[in-house]
C-alpha atoms as a PDB file:
ATOM      1  CA  MET A   1     117.759 153.194  50.117  1.00  0.00           C
ATOM      2  CA  SER A   2     119.386 149.776  49.948  1.00  0.00           C
ATOM      3  CA  SER A   3     122.968 149.263  48.838  1.00  0.00           C
ATOM      4  CA  LEU A   4     121.665 147.563  45.684  1.00  0.00           C
ATOM      5  CA  GLN A   5     119.623 150.643  44.750  1.00  0.00           C
ATOM      6  CA  LYS A   6     122.598 152.921  45.430  1.00  0.00           C
ATOM      7  CA  ASN A   7     124.846 150.845  43.189  1.00  0.00           C
ATOM      8  CA  SER A   8     122.311 150.866  40.339  1.00  0.00           C
ATOM      9  CA  ALA A   9     121.895 154.660  40.598  1.00  0.00           C
ATOM     10  CA  ARG A  10     125.617 155.389  40.208  1.00  0.00           C
ATOM     11  CA  PRO A  11     125.892 154.299  36.534  1.00  0.00           C
ATOM     12  CA  ARG A  12     122.879 156.470  35.645  1.00  0.00           C
ATOM     13  CA  THR A  13     124.418 159.460  37.414  1.00  0.00           C
ATOM     14  CA  LYS A  14     127.717 158.961  35.591  1.00  0.00           C
ATOM     15  CA  LEU A  15     125.933 158.553  32.251  1.00  0.00           C
ATOM     16  CA  THR A  16     123.993 161.769  32.840  1.00  0.00           C
ATOM     17  CA  ALA A  17     127.202 163.624  33.707  1.00  0.00           C
ATOM     18  CA  TYR A  18     128.939 162.298  30.570  1.00  0.00           C
ATOM     19  CA  LEU A  19     125.988 163.281  28.371  1.00  0.00           C
ATOM     20  CA  ALA A  20     125.830 166.770  29.893  1.00  0.00           C
ATOM     21  CA  THR A  21     129.574 167.240  29.351  1.00  0.00           C
ATOM     22  CA  ALA A  22     129.270 166.041  25.757  1.00  0.00           C
ATOM     23  CA  VAL A  23     126.384 168.427  25.039  1.00  0.00           C
ATOM     24  CA  VAL A  24     128.319 171.397  26.466  1.00  0.00           C
ATOM     25  CA  ALA A  25     131.419 170.466  24.441  1.00  0.00           C
ATOM     26  CA  LEU A  26     129.304 170.116  21.292  1.00  0.00           C
ATOM     27  CA  MET A  27     127.700 173.517  21.840  1.00  0.00           C
ATOM     28  CA  LEU A  28     131.081 175.174  22.399  1.00  0.00           C
ATOM     29  CA  GLY A  29     132.482 173.553  19.261  1.00  0.00           C
ATOM     30  CA  ALA A  30     129.475 174.658  17.235  1.00  0.00           C
ATOM     31  CA  SER A  31     129.802 178.250  18.441  1.00  0.00           C
ATOM     32  CA  TYR A  32     133.490 178.387  17.449  1.00  0.00           C
ATOM     33  CA  ALA A  33     132.726 176.823  14.059  1.00  0.00           C
ATOM     34  CA  ALA A  34     129.773 179.125  13.358  1.00  0.00           C
ATOM     35  CA  VAL A  35     131.830 182.176  12.341  1.00  0.00           C
ATOM     36  CA  PRO A  36     134.194 180.460   9.866  1.00  0.00           C
ATOM     37  CA  LEU A  37     131.317 178.414   8.447  1.00  0.00           C
ATOM     38  CA  TYR A  38     129.286 181.589   7.990  1.00  0.00           C
ATOM     39  CA  LYS A  39     132.228 183.245   6.241  1.00  0.00           C
ATOM     40  CA  LEU A  40     132.576 180.252   3.925  1.00  0.00           C
ATOM     41  CA  PHE A  41     128.866 180.381   3.176  1.00  0.00           C
ATOM     42  CA  CYS A  42     129.003 184.109   2.424  1.00  0.00           C
ATOM     43  CA  ALA A  43     132.078 183.706   0.218  1.00  0.00           C
ATOM     44  CA  ALA A  44     130.431 180.902  -1.760  1.00  0.00           C
ATOM     45  CA  THR A  45     127.068 182.590  -2.227  1.00  0.00           C
ATOM     46  CA  GLY A  46     127.805 186.319  -2.068  1.00  0.00           C
ATOM     47  CA  TYR A  47     125.347 186.550   0.830  1.00  0.00           C
ATOM     48  CA  ASP A  48     125.492 189.712   2.937  1.00  0.00           C
ATOM     49  CA  GLY A  49     127.371 191.558   0.188  1.00  0.00           C
ATOM     50  CA  THR A  50     130.447 189.325   0.295  1.00  0.00           C
ATOM     51  CA  THR A  51     132.441 189.602  -2.921  1.00  0.00           C
ATOM     52  CA  GLN A  52     134.276 186.864  -4.784  1.00  0.00           C
ATOM     53  CA  ARG A  53     137.983 186.524  -5.566  1.00  0.00           C
ATOM     54  CA  ALA A  54     139.546 185.959  -8.967  1.00  0.00           C
ATOM     55  CA  ASP A  55     143.036 185.817 -10.457  1.00  0.00           C
ATOM     56  CA  ALA A  56     142.065 187.616 -13.667  1.00  0.00           C
ATOM     57  CA  ALA A  57     139.120 189.010 -15.598  1.00  0.00           C
ATOM     58  CA  PRO A  58     137.142 186.392 -17.547  1.00  0.00           C
ATOM     59  CA  GLY A  59     137.948 187.707 -21.030  1.00  0.00           C
ATOM     60  CA  GLN A  60     134.251 187.914 -21.897  1.00  0.00           C
ATOM     61  CA  ILE A  61     132.778 191.423 -22.008  1.00  0.00           C
ATOM     62  CA  LEU A  62     129.021 191.870 -22.382  1.00  0.00           C
ATOM     63  CA  ASP A  63     127.160 194.795 -23.892  1.00  0.00           C
ATOM     64  CA  ARG A  64     125.682 195.703 -20.512  1.00  0.00           C
ATOM     65  CA  ASP A  65     126.685 198.681 -18.408  1.00  0.00           C
ATOM     66  CA  VAL A  66     126.953 198.702 -14.632  1.00  0.00           C
ATOM     67  CA  THR A  67     127.798 201.753 -12.540  1.00  0.00           C
ATOM     68  CA  VAL A  68     129.883 201.006  -9.444  1.00  0.00           C
ATOM     69  CA  ARG A  69     129.785 203.652  -6.719  1.00  0.00           C
ATOM     70  CA  PHE A  70     132.474 203.864  -4.040  1.00  0.00           C
ATOM     71  CA  ASN A  71     131.937 204.620  -0.369  1.00  0.00           C
ATOM     72  CA  ALA A  72     134.466 205.084   2.436  1.00  0.00           C
ATOM     73  CA  ASP A  73     134.063 205.294   6.209  1.00  0.00           C
ATOM     74  CA  VAL A  74     136.319 205.216   9.267  1.00  0.00           C
ATOM     75  CA  GLY A  75     135.547 203.417  12.501  1.00  0.00           C
ATOM     76  CA  GLN A  76     135.394 205.161  15.845  1.00  0.00           C
ATOM     77  CA  GLY A  77     138.794 206.127  17.212  1.00  0.00           C
ATOM     78  CA  LEU A  78     140.619 206.152  13.865  1.00  0.00           C
ATOM     79  CA  ARG A  79     141.911 209.646  13.087  1.00  0.00           C
ATOM     80  CA  TRP A  80     142.239 209.104   9.358  1.00  0.00           C
ATOM     81  CA  LYS A  81     140.692 210.837   6.403  1.00  0.00           C
ATOM     82  CA  PHE A  82     139.546 208.094   4.032  1.00  0.00           C
ATOM     83  CA  GLN A  83     137.832 208.519   0.671  1.00  0.00           C
ATOM     84  CA  PRO A  84     137.620 207.113  -2.853  1.00  0.00           C
ATOM     85  CA  VAL A  85     139.722 208.963  -5.418  1.00  0.00           C
ATOM     86  CA  GLN A  86     136.721 208.817  -7.748  1.00  0.00           C
ATOM     87  CA  ARG A  87     133.107 208.527  -6.690  1.00  0.00           C
ATOM     88  CA  ASP A  88     131.898 206.106  -9.361  1.00  0.00           C
ATOM     89  CA  ILE A  89     132.765 204.343 -12.580  1.00  0.00           C
ATOM     90  CA  THR A  90     130.635 202.881 -15.363  1.00  0.00           C
ATOM     91  CA  LEU A  91     131.974 199.746 -17.018  1.00  0.00           C
ATOM     92  CA  LYS A  92     130.831 196.801 -19.079  1.00  0.00           C
ATOM     93  CA  VAL A  93     130.003 193.509 -17.394  1.00  0.00           C
ATOM     94  CA  GLY A  94     133.195 191.417 -17.590  1.00  0.00           C
ATOM     95  CA  GLU A  95     135.439 194.467 -18.004  1.00  0.00           C
ATOM     96  CA  GLU A  96     138.270 194.873 -15.481  1.00  0.00           C
ATOM     97  CA  ALA A  97     138.528 198.183 -13.634  1.00  0.00           C
ATOM     98  CA  LEU A  98     141.223 199.684 -11.434  1.00  0.00           C
ATOM     99  CA  VAL A  99     140.313 202.374  -8.904  1.00  0.00           C
ATOM    100  CA  TYR A 100     141.958 203.871  -5.832  1.00  0.00           C
ATOM    101  CA  TYR A 101     141.016 204.799  -2.308  1.00  0.00           C
ATOM    102  CA  ARG A 102     143.067 207.415  -0.443  1.00  0.00           C
ATOM    103  CA  ALA A 103     143.827 207.385   3.278  1.00  0.00           C
ATOM    104  CA  THR A 104     145.532 210.174   5.232  1.00  0.00           C
ATOM    105  CA  ASN A 105     146.628 210.049   8.855  1.00  0.00           C
ATOM    106  CA  VAL A 106     145.495 213.372  10.362  1.00  0.00           C
ATOM    107  CA  SER A 107     146.772 212.550  13.856  1.00  0.00           C
ATOM    108  CA  ASP A 108     150.179 213.263  15.420  1.00  0.00           C
ATOM    109  CA  GLN A 109     151.123 209.591  15.830  1.00  0.00           C
ATOM    110  CA  THR A 110     151.623 206.509  13.680  1.00  0.00           C
ATOM    111  CA  ILE A 111     148.408 204.508  13.402  1.00  0.00           C
ATOM    112  CA  VAL A 112     147.764 201.019  12.060  1.00  0.00           C
ATOM    113  CA  GLY A 113     144.416 200.422  10.395  1.00  0.00           C
ATOM    114  CA  MET A 114     142.617 197.618   8.603  1.00  0.00           C
ATOM    115  CA  ALA A 115     139.667 197.806   6.217  1.00  0.00           C
ATOM    116  CA  THR A 116     136.585 195.646   5.853  1.00  0.00           C
ATOM    117  CA  PHE A 117     134.186 195.866   2.913  1.00  0.00           C
ATOM    118  CA  ASN A 118     130.811 194.945   1.552  1.00  0.00           C
ATOM    119  CA  VAL A 119     128.808 195.266  -1.636  1.00  0.00           C
ATOM    120  CA  THR A 120     125.216 196.423  -1.987  1.00  0.00           C
ATOM    121  CA  PRO A 121     122.759 195.266  -3.054  1.00  0.00           C
ATOM    122  CA  ASP A 122     123.687 192.062  -1.222  1.00  0.00           C
ATOM    123  CA  LYS A 123     122.493 189.883  -4.093  1.00  0.00           C
ATOM    124  CA  ALA A 124     125.198 191.371  -6.345  1.00  0.00           C
ATOM    125  CA  GLY A 125     128.012 190.123  -4.101  1.00  0.00           C
ATOM    126  CA  GLN A 126     128.338 186.737  -5.765  1.00  0.00           C
ATOM    127  CA  TYR A 127     128.987 188.422  -9.119  1.00  0.00           C
ATOM    128  CA  PHE A 128     131.401 191.099  -7.926  1.00  0.00           C
ATOM    129  CA  ASP A 129     134.918 189.691  -8.296  1.00  0.00           C
ATOM    130  CA  LYS A 130     137.990 191.389  -6.840  1.00  0.00           C
ATOM    131  CA  ILE A 131     141.371 190.628  -8.368  1.00  0.00           C
ATOM    132  CA  ALA A 132     143.340 192.764  -5.897  1.00  0.00           C
ATOM    133  CA  CYS A 133     142.451 194.987  -2.967  1.00  0.00           C
ATOM    134  CA  PHE A 134     143.723 196.316   0.362  1.00  0.00           C
ATOM    135  CA  CYS A 135     141.000 194.793   2.539  1.00  0.00           C
ATOM    136  CA  PHE A 136     142.040 192.832   5.627  1.00  0.00           C
ATOM    137  CA  THR A 137     145.663 193.973   5.193  1.00  0.00           C
ATOM    138  CA  GLU A 138     147.075 196.089   8.000  1.00  0.00           C
ATOM    139  CA  GLN A 139     148.212 199.526   6.861  1.00  0.00           C
ATOM    140  CA  SER A 140     150.548 201.735   8.880  1.00  0.00           C
ATOM    141  CA  LEU A 141     150.485 205.495   8.325  1.00  0.00           C
ATOM    142  CA  ALA A 142     152.857 207.975   9.950  1.00  0.00           C
ATOM    143  CA  PRO A 143     151.532 211.381  11.036  1.00  0.00           C
ATOM    144  CA  GLY A 144     150.399 213.332   7.981  1.00  0.00           C
ATOM    145  CA  GLN A 145     151.166 210.431   5.609  1.00  0.00           C
ATOM    146  CA  SER A 146     148.804 209.653   2.722  1.00  0.00           C
ATOM    147  CA  ILE A 147     148.515 206.617   0.504  1.00  0.00           C
ATOM    148  CA  ASP A 148     146.499 205.624  -2.562  1.00  0.00           C
ATOM    149  CA  MET A 149     145.349 202.008  -2.291  1.00  0.00           C
ATOM    150  CA  PRO A 150     144.264 200.124  -5.432  1.00  0.00           C
ATOM    151  CA  VAL A 151     141.233 197.923  -6.006  1.00  0.00           C
ATOM    152  CA  SER A 152     140.995 195.836  -9.171  1.00  0.00           C
ATOM    153  CA  PHE A 153     137.659 194.179  -9.940  1.00  0.00           C
ATOM    154  CA  PHE A 154     135.084 193.124 -12.521  1.00  0.00           C
ATOM    155  CA  VAL A 155     131.422 192.145 -12.621  1.00  0.00           C
ATOM    156  CA  ASP A 156     131.110 188.473 -13.557  1.00  0.00           C
ATOM    157  CA  PRO A 157     129.335 187.854 -16.906  1.00  0.00           C
ATOM    158  CA  ARG A 158     127.376 185.073 -15.175  1.00  0.00           C
ATOM    159  CA  ILE A 159     125.207 187.867 -13.809  1.00  0.00           C
ATOM    160  CA  ALA A 160     123.404 187.867 -17.167  1.00  0.00           C
ATOM    161  CA  GLN A 161     122.033 184.394 -16.365  1.00  0.00           C
ATOM    162  CA  ASP A 162     120.470 185.555 -13.091  1.00  0.00           C
ATOM    163  CA  ARG A 163     116.950 186.743 -13.892  1.00  0.00           C
ATOM    164  CA  ASN A 164     116.691 188.291 -10.409  1.00  0.00           C
ATOM    165  CA  LEU A 165     119.360 190.810 -11.414  1.00  0.00           C
ATOM    166  CA  ASP A 166     118.087 191.786 -14.851  1.00  0.00           C
ATOM    167  CA  ASP A 167     117.256 195.248 -13.498  1.00  0.00           C
ATOM    168  CA  LEU A 168     120.602 195.770 -11.734  1.00  0.00           C
ATOM    169  CA  THR A 169     122.356 198.894 -12.994  1.00  0.00           C
ATOM    170  CA  ASP A 170     124.142 200.136  -9.855  1.00  0.00           C
ATOM    171  CA  ILE A 171     126.457 198.489  -7.312  1.00  0.00           C
ATOM    172  CA  ALA A 172     128.002 200.154  -4.270  1.00  0.00           C
ATOM    173  CA  LEU A 173     131.412 199.041  -2.987  1.00  0.00           C
ATOM    174  CA  SER A 174     131.979 200.221   0.571  1.00  0.00           C
ATOM    175  CA  TYR A 175     135.108 200.082   2.723  1.00  0.00           C
ATOM    176  CA  THR A 176     135.420 200.909   6.418  1.00  0.00           C
ATOM    177  CA  PHE A 177     138.802 201.350   8.109  1.00  0.00           C
ATOM    178  CA  PHE A 178     139.193 200.433  11.775  1.00  0.00           C
ATOM    179  CA  PRO A 179     142.139 201.030  14.122  1.00  0.00           C
ATOM    180  CA  VAL A 180     144.371 198.048  14.922  1.00  0.00           C
ATOM    181  CA  ASP A 181     145.810 198.076  18.439  1.00  0.00           C
ATOM    182  CA  LYS A 182     149.209 196.562  17.788  1.00  0.00           C
ATOM    183  CA  PRO A 183     152.578 197.465  16.202  1.00  0.00           C
ATOM    184  CA  ALA A 184     152.804 197.992  12.482  1.00  0.00           C
ATOM    185  CA  PRO A 185     153.375 194.787  10.451  1.00  0.00           C
ATOM    186  CA  ARG A 186     156.015 194.237   7.799  1.00  0.00           C
ATOM    187  CA  THR A 187     153.604 195.210   5.016  1.00  0.00           C
ATOM    188  CA  THR A 188     153.263 198.950   5.554  1.00  0.00           C
ATOM    189  CA  ALA A 189     151.453 201.605   3.614  1.00  0.00           C
ATOM    190  CA  ALA A 190     154.793 202.925   2.364  1.00  0.00           C
ATOM    191  CA  ALA A 191     155.602 199.552   0.840  1.00  0.00           C
ATOM    192  CA  LEU A 192     152.136 199.258  -0.692  1.00  0.00           C
ATOM    193  CA  SER A 193     152.414 202.671  -2.325  1.00  0.00           C
ATOM    194  CA  LYS A 194     155.373 201.399  -4.369  1.00  0.00           C
ATOM    195  CA  SER A 195     153.271 198.602  -5.835  1.00  0.00           C
ATOM    196  CA  ASP A 196     150.786 198.842  -8.662  1.00  0.00           C
ATOM    197  CA  THR A 197     148.500 196.243  -7.121  1.00  0.00           C
ATOM    198  CA  GLY A 198     147.234 195.553  -3.645  1.00  0.00           C
ATOM    199  CA  VAL A 199     146.947 192.340  -1.676  1.00  0.00           C
ATOM    200  CA  ASN A 200     143.642 190.540  -1.730  1.00  0.00           C
END
């Protein structure tokens, strides 16, 4: 290969290297952005049973009943007893409800846990609005300690405009507690038990 051919090949090699580096960087950036973008999508649409957030009930109550059933689970490795204080509640669409879940540490050591949630059927998520709850807030329980954690919510009256949900009469709200492998935060279960409302 002549020196002229070698010199002309170098820019192409550099360009290829730059393009390959750019593609890898773009793919890495997209993978990091995928999770928060998915969460934003779910929050906006209620997809995958993601509920909505609200500061207060809408003030409009419809003559339509919905029964909300409550489920509770614990993740592997969490030695807590976790259950809803009541199994279900029937309320009007637009009516605010306040219910409690109870957690008890049945181990011999202090454990920090955090709850995730979802609503089923998934299509009801965009109309299930929580005003206050304990989800995604770390809770610390000492051995044998119990706490009642509040959830305040309502079913959005806009559900009446969704023809796909005309037959909806039941919604399930499920929470799952998982262990958190780090020291207890400032907001502890003891502090939460003194409050009438949770943190959303």
